[in-house]
Protein backbone atom coordinates (compact mmCIF):
# COMPACT_ATOMS: atom_id res chain seq x y z
CA MET A 1 -8.39 -44.81 -45.25
CA SER A 2 -4.66 -44.69 -44.57
CA ARG A 3 -3.85 -41.81 -47.16
CA TYR A 4 -6.08 -39.81 -45.24
CA LYS A 5 -4.67 -40.40 -41.38
CA HIS A 6 -0.99 -40.23 -42.87
CA ARG A 7 -2.30 -36.38 -43.88
CA LEU A 8 -3.94 -35.56 -41.36
CA MET A 9 -0.70 -36.53 -38.88
CA LEU A 10 1.25 -34.49 -41.30
CA VAL A 11 -1.38 -31.24 -40.90
CA ILE A 12 -1.24 -31.59 -36.92
CA ILE A 13 2.38 -31.85 -36.59
CA LEU A 14 3.62 -29.16 -38.76
CA ALA A 15 0.49 -27.00 -37.78
CA ALA A 16 2.35 -27.61 -33.48
CA SER A 17 5.25 -26.91 -35.17
CA GLY A 18 4.92 -23.84 -37.23
CA CYS A 19 3.58 -22.19 -33.43
CA SER A 20 5.64 -23.28 -30.29
CA THR A 21 9.28 -21.49 -31.11
CA GLN A 22 9.48 -18.70 -29.02
CA TYR A 23 12.27 -17.35 -27.56
CA ILE A 24 12.02 -14.82 -24.28
CA THR A 25 15.82 -13.80 -23.88
CA ALA A 26 16.63 -11.41 -20.06
CA PRO A 27 17.85 -8.48 -19.66
CA LEU A 28 21.94 -8.48 -19.34
CA PRO A 29 23.30 -6.87 -16.38
CA MET A 30 26.04 -4.24 -17.05
CA PRO A 31 28.84 -5.59 -14.55
CA THR A 32 31.16 -3.10 -13.21
CA LYS A 33 34.07 -1.45 -14.69
CA PRO A 34 37.05 -2.15 -13.51
CA ASP A 35 39.82 0.71 -12.93
CA MET A 36 42.00 1.09 -15.16
CA PRO A 37 45.23 3.17 -14.21
CA VAL A 38 45.91 6.31 -15.88
CA TYR A 39 49.46 7.51 -17.27
CA THR A 40 50.65 10.33 -18.18
CA ASP A 41 53.02 11.61 -20.82
CA ALA A 42 55.62 11.63 -18.69
CA ASP A 43 54.94 8.38 -17.20
CA LEU A 44 55.40 7.13 -20.82
CA SER A 45 58.47 9.18 -22.16
CA CYS A 46 61.03 7.00 -22.01
CA LEU A 47 58.85 4.20 -24.24
CA PRO A 48 60.33 4.69 -28.17
CA ASP A 49 57.34 6.00 -30.47
CA TYR A 50 56.68 2.22 -31.86
CA VAL A 51 56.45 1.39 -28.29
CA TYR A 52 53.86 3.98 -26.66
CA ARG A 53 51.66 4.08 -29.93
CA TRP A 54 51.41 0.25 -29.46
CA VAL A 55 50.58 0.81 -26.11
CA ALA A 56 47.59 3.16 -27.54
CA GLU A 57 46.59 1.14 -30.07
CA ARG A 58 45.67 -1.31 -27.35
CA ASP A 59 43.56 1.51 -24.97
CA LEU A 60 41.86 1.95 -28.32
CA ALA A 61 41.04 -1.72 -29.34
CA HIS A 62 39.66 -2.97 -25.72
CA ARG A 63 37.73 0.84 -25.67
CA ARG A 64 36.18 -0.81 -28.80
CA TYR A 65 35.89 -3.98 -27.45
CA GLU A 66 34.09 -2.55 -24.16
CA GLN A 67 31.88 -0.68 -26.69
CA ARG A 68 30.63 -3.69 -28.39
CA LEU A 69 30.21 -5.63 -25.60
CA GLU A 70 28.13 -2.71 -23.36
CA ALA A 71 25.67 -2.46 -26.66
CA VAL A 72 25.28 -5.96 -26.79
CA ILE A 73 24.16 -5.98 -23.42
CA LYS A 74 21.84 -3.27 -23.82
CA SER A 75 20.63 -4.77 -26.59
CA THR A 76 19.25 -7.16 -24.69
CA TRP A 77 17.29 -4.47 -22.83
CA SER A 78 15.04 -2.80 -25.15
CA ALA A 79 13.69 -6.06 -25.84
CA HIS A 80 11.98 -5.15 -22.38
CA GLY A 81 10.79 -1.75 -22.26
CA LEU A 82 13.98 -1.00 -20.02
């Protein structure tokens, strides 16, 4: 009798735990983008070439990071048909 109860309890636990996990994500809002300063070539002409390149690479890395974050936020929208 104890063996039967043990097996029955095991079956109930496995059945209950298998169908109770469901995650629901809420769509994330898109934050407003900050206003970034705009520089002309004349503004940066006093910089050495290597510093100009650093600034350009930093801006490009920032832009790519921003695009990745936007993609993550927009992925939460598709789950809800937005």
